[in-house]
Protein backbone atom coordinates (compact mmCIF):
# COMPACT_ATOMS: atom_id res chain seq x y z
CA MET A 1 -23.44 6.47 68.89
CA PRO A 2 -22.29 5.19 65.48
CA VAL A 3 -20.18 2.05 65.36
CA GLY A 4 -16.49 2.89 65.67
CA ALA A 5 -17.17 6.28 67.21
CA THR A 6 -15.55 7.22 70.48
CA SER A 7 -16.70 9.43 73.30
CA GLN A 8 -14.36 12.21 72.28
CA ASP A 9 -16.31 12.61 69.01
CA LYS A 10 -19.50 13.39 70.89
CA PRO A 11 -20.17 17.13 71.08
CA ALA A 12 -19.88 18.69 74.50
CA PRO A 13 -23.21 19.51 76.18
CA GLY A 14 -24.57 22.82 74.97
CA MET A 15 -21.92 23.11 72.29
CA ASP A 16 -23.50 21.01 69.53
CA SER A 17 -25.71 23.79 68.20
CA SER A 18 -24.55 26.39 65.77
CA ALA A 19 -25.43 29.17 68.21
CA GLY A 20 -23.45 27.48 70.97
CA ARG A 21 -20.39 27.16 68.79
CA TRP A 22 -20.50 30.83 67.80
CA LEU A 23 -20.92 31.90 71.42
CA ALA A 24 -17.87 29.83 72.34
CA ARG A 25 -15.87 31.44 69.55
CA LEU A 26 -16.84 34.94 70.65
CA ALA A 27 -15.94 34.00 74.22
CA ALA A 28 -12.51 32.83 73.05
CA LEU A 29 -11.94 36.13 71.22
CA GLY A 30 -12.96 38.11 74.31
CA LEU A 31 -10.91 36.02 76.76
CA GLY A 32 -7.85 36.52 74.60
CA GLY A 33 -8.35 40.27 74.74
CA VAL A 34 -8.80 40.21 78.52
CA LEU A 35 -5.45 38.45 78.97
CA ALA A 36 -3.70 41.52 77.53
CA LEU A 37 -4.73 43.47 80.64
CA ALA A 38 -1.89 41.73 82.48
CA PHE A 39 0.43 44.28 80.84
CA PRO A 40 0.71 48.03 81.47
CA GLU A 41 -1.07 50.25 81.73
CA PRO A 42 -3.74 48.13 83.46
CA GLY A 43 -0.87 46.09 84.89
CA LEU A 44 -3.04 43.25 86.25
CA TRP A 45 0.01 40.97 86.54
CA TRP A 46 -1.88 38.27 88.44
CA LEU A 47 -4.14 37.80 85.41
CA GLY A 48 -1.20 36.19 83.63
CA TRP A 49 -1.32 33.31 86.12
CA ILE A 50 -5.02 32.53 85.59
CA GLY A 51 -6.13 34.20 82.36
CA LEU A 52 -5.06 31.38 80.04
CA ALA A 53 -6.88 28.65 81.98
CA PRO A 54 -10.42 29.47 80.74
CA ILE A 55 -9.08 29.66 77.17
CA PHE A 56 -7.49 26.23 77.54
CA VAL A 57 -10.77 24.82 78.86
CA LEU A 58 -12.85 26.41 76.12
CA VAL A 59 -10.58 24.88 73.49
CA ALA A 60 -10.46 21.47 75.19
CA ILE A 61 -14.24 21.07 75.30
CA ALA A 62 -14.68 21.87 71.61
CA PRO A 63 -16.84 19.25 69.84
CA ASN A 64 -14.20 18.58 67.19
CA ARG A 65 -10.66 19.41 66.16
CA ARG A 66 -11.71 22.07 63.68
CA ASP A 67 -13.70 23.97 66.28
CA ALA A 68 -10.87 23.67 68.80
CA LEU A 69 -8.47 25.23 66.32
CA THR A 70 -10.96 27.98 65.48
CA ARG A 71 -11.37 28.90 69.13
CA SER A 72 -7.62 28.90 69.70
CA TRP A 73 -7.06 31.04 66.61
CA LEU A 74 -9.65 33.60 67.74
CA ALA A 75 -8.22 33.71 71.28
CA GLY A 76 -4.76 34.38 69.86
CA ALA A 77 -6.10 37.09 67.57
CA GLY A 78 -7.91 38.72 70.49
CA TYR A 79 -4.86 38.63 72.73
CA LEU A 80 -2.30 39.93 70.26
CA THR A 81 -4.64 42.53 68.79
CA ALA A 82 -5.50 43.93 72.23
CA LEU A 83 -1.83 43.91 73.16
CA HIS A 84 -0.96 45.86 70.00
CA SER A 85 -4.13 47.96 69.93
CA TRP A 86 -2.06 51.13 69.70
CA VAL A 87 -1.09 50.32 66.10
CA ILE A 88 -4.70 50.07 64.89
CA PRO A 89 -4.95 53.77 63.88
CA TYR A 90 -1.92 53.22 61.65
CA THR A 91 -2.78 49.82 60.16
CA GLY A 92 -6.30 50.93 59.23
CA VAL A 93 -8.03 48.56 56.82
CA PHE A 94 -5.28 45.98 57.30
CA THR A 95 -6.07 45.48 61.00
CA ILE A 96 -8.43 42.53 60.43
CA ALA A 97 -5.94 40.78 58.15
CA LEU A 98 -3.12 41.32 60.64
CA SER A 99 -5.26 40.04 63.52
CA ALA A 100 -6.13 36.94 61.54
CA PHE A 101 -2.45 36.37 60.79
CA VAL A 102 -1.16 36.73 64.35
CA GLY A 103 -3.89 34.41 65.60
CA LEU A 104 -2.37 31.61 63.54
CA PHE A 105 0.47 31.33 66.06
CA TRP A 106 -2.00 29.93 68.58
CA LEU A 107 -3.14 27.03 66.40
CA PRO A 108 -0.53 24.56 67.77
CA LEU A 109 -1.62 25.53 71.28
CA GLY A 110 -5.25 24.74 70.46
CA LEU A 111 -4.31 21.37 69.02
CA ALA A 112 -2.28 20.52 72.12
CA CYS A 113 -5.14 21.46 74.48
CA TRP A 114 -7.71 19.47 72.53
CA TRP A 115 -5.41 16.44 72.23
CA ALA A 116 -4.53 16.43 75.93
CA TRP A 117 -7.75 17.40 77.71
CA GLY A 118 -10.64 16.86 75.34
CA ARG A 119 -13.37 14.36 76.14
CA GLY A 120 -12.30 10.77 75.80
CA THR A 121 -8.58 11.33 76.28
CA THR A 122 -6.66 9.05 78.60
CA SER A 123 -5.35 9.93 82.02
CA GLU A 124 -1.84 9.67 80.56
CA ARG A 125 -2.62 12.42 78.04
CA ARG A 126 -4.12 14.63 80.70
CA GLY A 127 -0.91 14.33 82.68
CA LEU A 128 1.27 14.92 79.64
CA GLY A 129 -0.75 18.02 78.90
CA LEU A 130 0.73 19.66 82.00
CA VAL A 131 4.11 19.58 80.26
CA LEU A 132 3.06 19.63 76.61
CA VAL A 133 0.79 22.68 76.65
CA PRO A 134 3.23 25.11 78.34
CA SER A 135 6.01 23.78 76.10
CA VAL A 136 3.92 24.41 72.98
CA TRP A 137 3.07 27.85 74.34
CA LEU A 138 6.74 28.70 74.75
CA VAL A 139 7.78 27.36 71.35
CA THR A 140 5.09 29.43 69.64
CA GLU A 141 6.11 32.52 71.64
CA ALA A 142 9.67 32.01 70.45
CA LEU A 143 8.54 31.59 66.84
CA ARG A 144 6.43 34.73 66.78
CA SER A 145 9.35 36.61 68.37
CA TRP A 146 11.30 36.45 65.12
CA GLU A 147 12.23 40.03 64.31
CA TYR A 148 10.59 39.89 60.89
CA LEU A 149 7.26 38.96 62.48
CA GLY A 150 7.15 41.83 64.95
CA GLY A 151 9.60 40.75 67.63
CA THR A 152 9.27 39.89 71.29
CA TRP A 153 6.62 42.40 72.26
CA GLY A 154 4.15 41.00 74.77
CA LEU A 155 5.82 37.75 75.86
CA LEU A 156 3.70 36.54 78.77
CA GLY A 157 6.57 36.56 81.27
CA LEU A 158 7.14 40.27 80.71
CA SER A 159 3.93 40.98 82.61
CA GLN A 160 5.72 40.10 85.88
CA TRP A 161 8.07 43.08 85.81
CA GLN A 162 6.65 44.60 89.00
CA VAL A 163 6.57 41.40 91.09
CA GLY A 164 10.09 41.46 92.52
CA PRO A 165 10.42 37.93 93.93
CA ILE A 166 8.87 36.20 90.91
CA LEU A 167 10.83 38.44 88.53
CA GLN A 168 14.10 36.97 89.80
CA GLY A 169 13.31 33.77 87.92
CA ALA A 170 14.39 35.61 84.77
CA ALA A 171 17.97 35.27 85.97
CA LEU A 172 17.68 31.50 85.56
CA GLY A 173 16.03 31.25 82.17
CA GLY A 174 15.23 34.74 81.00
CA VAL A 175 11.70 35.83 80.22
CA TRP A 176 11.18 32.35 78.72
CA LEU A 177 11.22 30.67 82.13
CA LEU A 178 8.62 33.08 83.47
CA SER A 179 6.40 32.48 80.42
CA TRP A 180 6.70 28.70 80.73
CA ALA A 181 5.91 28.72 84.44
CA MET A 182 2.85 30.93 83.91
CA ALA A 183 1.55 28.76 81.06
CA ALA A 184 2.14 25.63 83.18
CA SER A 185 0.23 27.13 86.11
CA ASN A 186 -2.67 27.93 83.79
CA ALA A 187 -2.49 24.41 82.38
CA ALA A 188 -2.78 22.93 85.85
CA LEU A 189 -5.84 25.08 86.59
CA ALA A 190 -7.36 23.96 83.29
CA VAL A 191 -6.92 20.30 84.26
CA ALA A 192 -8.66 21.00 87.56
CA ILE A 193 -11.81 22.38 85.92
CA THR A 194 -12.03 20.73 82.48
CA PRO A 195 -15.05 18.38 82.26
CA ARG A 196 -14.38 14.69 81.66
CA ALA A 197 -16.49 12.06 79.97
CA THR A 198 -16.88 10.15 83.25
CA GLY A 199 -16.45 11.34 86.79
CA LYS A 200 -15.29 14.66 88.11
CA PRO A 201 -11.92 16.12 87.16
CA PRO A 202 -9.24 15.81 89.85
CA TRP A 203 -8.61 19.18 91.38
CA LEU A 204 -6.34 18.89 94.41
CA ALA A 205 -3.11 17.90 92.65
CA PRO A 206 -3.50 20.34 89.72
CA VAL A 207 -4.33 23.23 92.04
CA ALA A 208 -1.29 22.37 94.15
CA ILE A 209 0.87 22.50 91.00
CA ALA A 210 -0.67 25.81 89.96
CA LEU A 211 0.23 27.32 93.32
CA ALA A 212 3.65 25.69 93.59
CA LEU A 213 5.01 27.27 90.40
CA PRO A 214 4.71 30.96 91.36
CA LEU A 215 5.60 30.18 94.97
CA SER A 216 8.78 28.38 93.90
CA LEU A 217 9.86 31.35 91.76
CA ALA A 218 9.04 33.72 94.61
CA LEU A 219 11.04 31.64 97.09
CA PHE A 220 14.04 31.71 94.78
CA GLY A 221 13.64 35.47 94.49
CA VAL A 222 13.47 36.01 98.24
CA LEU A 223 16.55 33.89 98.87
CA ARG A 224 18.58 35.43 96.05
CA SER A 225 21.27 37.78 97.31
CA ASP A 226 22.37 41.03 95.70
CA PRO A 227 25.63 41.18 93.74
CA PRO A 228 28.65 42.77 95.43
CA GLU A 229 28.41 46.55 95.58
CA ALA A 230 30.53 48.37 93.02
CA GLY A 231 29.57 52.00 93.60
CA SER A 232 27.12 53.90 91.44
CA ILE A 233 26.96 56.11 88.37
CA THR A 234 24.84 59.20 87.82
CA VAL A 235 23.03 59.34 84.50
CA GLY A 236 21.28 62.40 83.11
CA GLY A 237 18.45 62.09 80.62
CA VAL A 238 16.56 64.51 78.38
CA GLN A 239 12.89 63.99 77.51
CA PRO A 240 11.74 67.05 75.55
CA GLY A 241 8.43 65.70 74.26
CA VAL A 242 6.89 65.45 70.79
CA PHE A 243 8.47 67.51 68.01
CA ASP A 244 7.77 66.78 64.35
CA ASP A 245 10.14 69.49 63.16
CA ARG A 246 13.75 68.31 63.34
CA ALA A 247 15.18 71.77 64.05
CA ALA A 248 12.76 72.35 66.92
CA ARG A 249 13.57 68.90 68.32
CA LEU A 250 17.30 69.59 68.31
CA ASP A 251 16.81 73.04 69.86
CA ALA A 252 14.64 71.56 72.61
CA HIS A 253 17.25 68.94 73.46
CA ILE A 254 20.01 71.53 73.67
CA GLU A 255 17.91 73.93 75.71
CA GLU A 256 16.93 71.24 78.22
CA THR A 257 20.49 69.89 78.45
CA HIS A 258 21.72 73.29 79.63
CA ALA A 259 20.20 72.34 83.01
CA PHE A 260 23.13 69.98 83.58
CA ALA A 261 25.58 72.82 83.04
CA GLY A 262 23.99 74.69 85.91
CA GLY A 263 25.00 72.38 88.71
CA ASP A 264 23.60 68.88 88.21
CA ASP A 265 26.66 66.63 88.55
CA VAL A 266 26.27 63.76 86.08
CA ASP A 267 28.69 61.19 84.69
CA PHE A 268 27.08 61.23 81.24
CA VAL A 269 23.91 62.43 79.51
CA VAL A 270 21.66 60.50 77.12
CA TRP A 271 19.26 61.73 74.45
CA GLY A 272 16.62 59.44 72.97
CA GLN A 273 16.03 57.90 69.56
CA THR A 274 16.04 60.28 66.55
CA SER A 275 17.06 63.16 68.77
CA VAL A 276 19.37 64.49 66.03
CA ALA A 277 17.90 64.41 62.51
CA TYR A 278 21.06 65.90 61.01
CA ASP A 279 24.41 64.37 60.21
CA PRO A 280 26.74 66.09 62.71
CA PHE A 281 29.77 65.05 60.64
CA LEU A 282 28.50 66.78 57.51
CA GLU A 283 26.53 69.62 59.09
CA GLU A 284 29.37 71.50 60.78
CA THR A 285 27.07 73.82 62.69
CA VAL A 286 25.21 70.89 64.25
CA GLY A 287 28.43 69.13 65.19
CA GLU A 288 29.79 72.29 66.78
CA ARG A 289 26.62 72.80 68.82
CA LEU A 290 26.76 69.23 70.12
CA GLN A 291 30.43 69.53 71.00
CA ALA A 292 29.81 72.85 72.75
CA MET A 293 27.00 71.23 74.74
CA THR A 294 29.33 68.40 75.77
CA ASP A 295 31.96 70.87 76.96
CA ALA A 296 29.35 72.88 78.87
CA ILE A 297 28.05 69.95 80.91
CA GLY A 298 31.52 68.52 81.49
CA ALA A 299 30.40 64.99 80.67
CA ASP A 300 29.99 62.73 77.67
CA LEU A 301 26.83 63.13 75.61
CA PHE A 302 25.12 60.23 73.81
CA VAL A 303 22.84 61.31 70.98
CA ASN A 304 20.92 59.36 68.34
CA VAL A 305 21.40 60.38 64.72
CA ASP A 306 18.63 59.56 62.24
CA VAL A 307 19.25 61.16 58.87
CA ARG A 308 18.67 60.34 55.24
CA SER A 309 21.73 60.00 53.00
CA GLU A 310 22.54 58.70 49.54
CA THR A 311 23.12 55.20 50.85
CA GLY A 312 20.07 55.11 53.11
CA ILE A 313 19.21 55.70 56.76
CA VAL A 314 20.97 54.19 59.76
CA LYS A 315 19.80 55.11 63.24
CA THR A 316 23.07 55.59 65.07
CA THR A 317 24.19 56.12 68.65
CA VAL A 318 26.98 58.69 68.61
CA GLN A 319 29.08 59.55 71.66
CA PHE A 320 30.50 63.06 72.07
CA THR A 321 33.42 63.40 74.48
CA SER A 322 35.63 66.28 75.58
CA ASP A 323 37.98 65.28 72.75
CA GLY A 324 35.26 65.22 70.11
CA PRO A 325 33.09 62.42 68.72
CA ALA A 326 34.17 58.92 69.74
CA SER A 327 35.73 56.85 66.98
CA GLU A 328 33.10 54.12 67.19
CA SER A 329 29.33 54.51 66.92
CA TYR A 330 26.48 51.99 67.08
CA GLY A 331 23.97 51.40 64.29
CA LYS A 332 20.53 49.97 64.98
CA ARG A 333 20.39 46.31 63.89
CA ARG A 334 16.79 45.23 64.55
CA LEU A 335 14.30 47.26 62.57
CA VAL A 336 10.55 47.60 63.04
CA PRO A 337 8.67 45.81 60.23
CA PHE A 338 6.73 48.36 58.16
CA GLY A 339 7.70 51.12 60.60
CA GLU A 340 11.37 51.26 59.52
CA TYR A 341 11.31 49.00 56.49
CA ILE A 342 8.82 47.03 54.41
CA PRO A 343 9.53 43.29 54.15
CA LEU A 344 9.80 42.21 50.52
CA ARG A 345 9.29 45.78 49.37
CA PRO A 346 8.96 44.84 45.66
CA LEU A 347 5.84 42.86 46.62
CA PHE A 348 4.45 44.88 49.53
CA GLY A 349 5.74 48.38 48.88
CA TRP A 350 2.23 49.51 47.97
CA VAL A 351 1.30 49.29 51.66
CA SER A 352 2.94 52.68 52.23
CA ASP A 353 0.35 54.25 49.94
CA PHE A 354 -2.43 53.41 52.41
CA THR A 355 -0.63 53.47 55.77
CA GLN A 356 2.23 55.25 57.53
CA ALA A 357 4.65 52.45 56.63
CA ALA A 358 8.23 53.43 55.84
CA THR A 359 8.67 55.00 52.42
CA GLN A 360 12.39 54.16 52.51
CA ASP A 361 14.03 51.20 54.23
CA ARG A 362 16.53 51.87 57.00
CA ILE A 363 19.92 50.16 56.77
CA ARG A 364 20.92 47.73 59.51
CA GLY A 365 23.96 48.26 61.69
CA GLN A 366 26.77 45.70 61.59
CA GLY A 367 27.16 44.36 65.13
CA PRO A 368 27.23 45.08 68.88
CA VAL A 369 29.35 47.93 70.17
CA VAL A 370 30.73 48.56 73.64
CA MET A 371 31.18 52.24 74.52
CA ARG A 372 33.31 53.59 77.35
CA THR A 373 32.55 56.56 79.55
CA ALA A 374 33.28 57.61 83.14
CA GLY A 375 35.49 54.56 83.59
CA LEU A 376 32.65 52.16 82.71
CA THR A 377 31.50 50.14 79.71
CA ILE A 378 28.07 50.87 78.23
CA GLY A 379 26.04 48.59 76.00
CA PRO A 380 23.82 50.73 73.71
CA LEU A 381 20.54 49.59 72.18
CA ILE A 382 17.98 51.57 70.22
CA SER A 383 14.24 51.46 71.01
CA TYR A 384 12.70 48.31 69.40
CA GLU A 385 15.92 46.39 70.05
CA SER A 386 15.35 46.63 73.78
CA THR A 387 12.63 43.95 73.65
CA PHE A 388 14.91 41.18 72.34
CA PRO A 389 16.38 38.95 75.09
CA ASP A 390 19.29 37.76 72.96
CA MET A 391 20.59 41.28 72.34
CA ARG A 392 20.76 42.03 76.07
CA ARG A 393 22.48 38.69 76.71
CA GLU A 394 24.95 39.46 73.92
CA LEU A 395 25.96 42.70 75.64
CA ALA A 396 26.23 40.98 79.02
CA ARG A 397 28.59 38.41 77.50
CA LEU A 398 30.70 41.37 76.32
CA ASP A 399 30.92 42.29 80.03
CA VAL A 400 29.26 45.72 79.91
CA ASP A 401 28.54 47.43 83.20
CA LEU A 402 25.06 48.62 82.23
CA THR A 403 22.82 48.83 79.18
CA VAL A 404 21.42 52.09 77.84
CA VAL A 405 18.40 52.22 75.53
CA GLN A 406 17.57 55.28 73.43
CA GLY A 407 13.81 55.20 72.96
CA GLY A 408 11.39 57.20 70.90
CA THR A 409 7.74 56.24 70.58
CA GLN A 410 6.17 59.59 69.76
CA THR A 411 4.10 57.91 67.02
CA PHE A 412 2.26 56.12 69.84
CA GLN A 413 2.24 59.00 72.31
CA GLY A 414 -0.14 58.41 75.21
CA THR A 415 -0.78 54.74 74.41
CA TRP A 416 -0.02 51.55 76.33
CA ALA A 417 3.02 50.98 74.10
CA GLN A 418 5.11 53.44 76.09
CA PRO A 419 4.75 52.03 79.62
CA GLN A 420 5.01 48.52 78.18
CA GLN A 421 8.38 49.27 76.60
CA ALA A 422 9.65 50.78 79.84
CA SER A 423 8.42 47.88 81.98
CA TYR A 424 10.27 45.35 79.86
CA GLU A 425 13.56 46.89 81.01
CA ALA A 426 13.05 45.40 84.48
CA VAL A 427 12.94 41.85 83.11
CA LYS A 428 15.95 42.46 80.86
CA ALA A 429 17.96 43.87 83.78
CA VAL A 430 17.36 40.76 85.90
CA ALA A 431 18.00 38.34 83.04
CA SER A 432 21.25 40.03 82.01
CA GLY A 433 22.46 40.77 85.54
CA ARG A 434 23.06 44.40 84.52
CA PRO A 435 21.25 47.63 85.43
CA ALA A 436 19.24 49.14 82.60
CA VAL A 437 18.43 52.74 81.66
CA LEU A 438 15.86 53.80 79.05
CA VAL A 439 15.75 57.42 77.87
CA ALA A 440 12.89 58.37 75.55
CA VAL A 441 12.49 61.50 73.47
CA SER A 442 8.78 61.20 74.18
CA GLY A 443 7.44 58.21 76.02
CA VAL A 444 8.28 56.68 79.36
CA SER A 445 11.86 56.93 80.57
CA ALA A 446 12.84 54.45 83.27
CA ALA A 447 15.78 52.84 85.04
CA PHE A 448 16.15 49.60 87.01
CA ASP A 449 18.99 48.06 88.97
CA SER A 450 20.30 44.57 88.23
CA ARG A 451 17.57 43.05 90.43
CA GLY A 452 14.79 44.81 88.55
CA ARG A 453 14.11 47.34 91.29
CA LEU A 454 12.67 50.59 89.98
CA LEU A 455 15.08 53.50 90.21
CA MET A 456 13.29 56.07 88.04
CA TRP A 457 10.05 56.36 86.06
CA TYR A 458 9.04 59.46 84.12
CA PRO A 459 5.68 59.18 82.32
CA ALA A 460 5.03 60.12 78.71
CA ASP A 461 3.74 63.59 79.56
CA HIS A 462 6.95 64.54 81.38
CA VAL A 463 8.96 67.27 79.67
CA GLY A 464 12.41 68.17 80.88
CA THR A 465 15.49 66.49 82.30
CA PHE A 466 16.06 63.90 84.99
CA VAL A 467 18.94 62.49 86.96
CA VAL A 468 19.16 58.93 88.26
CA ASP A 469 21.80 57.30 90.46
CA VAL A 470 22.29 53.77 89.18
CA PRO A 471 23.85 51.26 91.62
CA LEU A 472 26.53 49.27 89.86
CA GLY A 473 26.78 45.56 90.33
CA LYS A 474 26.76 42.85 87.72
CA GLU A 475 26.90 39.09 87.48
CA ASP A 476 26.78 36.48 84.78
CA THR A 477 23.40 34.95 85.46
CA PRO A 478 22.54 31.38 84.40
CA TYR A 479 20.59 32.93 81.52
CA VAL A 480 23.68 34.84 80.37
CA ARG A 481 25.77 31.67 80.56
CA PHE A 482 23.32 29.16 79.05
CA GLY A 483 21.00 31.28 76.94
CA ASP A 484 17.56 30.15 75.75
CA TRP A 485 17.76 26.68 77.28
CA VAL A 486 14.09 26.79 78.34
CA VAL A 487 13.01 27.26 74.72
CA TRP A 488 15.20 24.43 73.45
CA LEU A 489 14.06 22.11 76.25
CA SER A 490 10.43 22.89 75.43
CA LEU A 491 11.08 22.10 71.78
CA VAL A 492 12.58 18.73 72.76
CA VAL A 493 9.55 17.95 74.95
CA VAL A 494 7.13 18.73 72.13
CA ALA A 495 9.12 16.67 69.64
CA LEU A 496 9.35 13.65 71.96
CA ILE A 497 5.63 13.60 72.69
CA ILE A 498 4.80 13.89 68.99
CA VAL A 499 7.15 11.04 68.12
CA ILE A 500 5.94 8.75 70.90
CA HIS A 501 2.22 9.24 70.30
CA ALA A 502 2.14 9.75 66.56
CA VAL A 503 4.81 7.28 65.44
CA VAL A 504 5.70 4.80 68.17
CA ARG A 505 2.20 4.32 69.61
CA PRO A 506 -0.25 5.40 66.91
CA SER A 507 -2.91 2.92 68.07
CA GLU A 508 -3.41 5.06 71.16
CA ASN A 509 -4.51 8.05 69.09
CA PRO A 510 -8.31 7.74 68.77
CA ARG A 511 -8.48 11.37 67.57
CA SER A 512 -6.12 10.87 64.65
């Protein structure tokens, strides 16, 4: 070994050849894709607790920093591309560029793994890695969740929607706490199996940590009591299916809604996103039909208006009551990048010439709105907005009784996007302490109580109406009161470790 070299600079066995490095990179890409199977429709939730560990190990044993970052980047690209595979037919030639971009968010994770667990690191670093790596994971999840980068789709903790006891941890720290715990469990498994320069890696303590994390969340979930009963409310929904023609879509909604006038006793009825592609305040005939439908069912009707005007397009939740349209409506505030607007359109507007990107930008709504019906307060959200934890917390802090999402994913009909969107409602219900109802024009419609228990699930191929009795009961969870404290704490942890080992004690950084 050259003078001044350290053991961490020595390539790992079998990884010093060019072929070995390329095999490792392909393995990283594939392992990232496999991790996406933790989400619906495969729904292999348990994979979220172990699927990151082999990626961490593969990065840690890289022969040098550059290769570690390359492997991490490819794993991130594989994961996020597989998770968003349903957009590939619409991104076309830009898919490779987008995959390369989203993979960049995993670079800090790769650096943390290599720094903490690579060959030649100290026992102190290996221990710090148990805290550093999951903290870096969470910080990067929060960064990529910025609405202009695609939002919070596919946060790791969302994969636990069907595991009732573990899911209750979302009440403490939102989806962020679930993500951190899962990354930490994977980190502990990685420590147990990562090769070391001398001796065998310790396995008993890391394995115990890996098991303790999900078991602790599950124990909290089992011991958690339900909120006081406050009755129930009956919600009717209309899911007419895919209609490209706006007139046919409106007719289908009205025809299906007539079922509630024939005997189904509901407190209010919800239509999904873009259910009304006319302005009911300008098109008198449309407004009259909607008002007549409201009078026929004897309950309030919530529709979603999506229409082009001189000032632009605002997707709007409009409530029709027995006295006419409510005075206040809700405009969609979080828009889908490229789907509903093109970021920096003067620079990237040409994208719409080659893809199905928006030809005209939607206009954002102004703020949250609380609607009142059947003696209750409703917090409306529109499709893409349902994935953002802060928007659900915002409504809970306004003391709504339940949240209602108007969905519409007909562009991705029959893909994994639809059950994924519906499953996320379970996590949001637990985190906000409020029951959640999602009604889709075409997609998966679902409802969950405030503990994330499934009340209703209608698949994408369902056409017709449905009725769901939603138990009422709300509470201000720790997440509602304290917000994204897990993210901020993780950021502090990362900053402290960087300062201590890069500034205060630089002599202990043989890799620098």
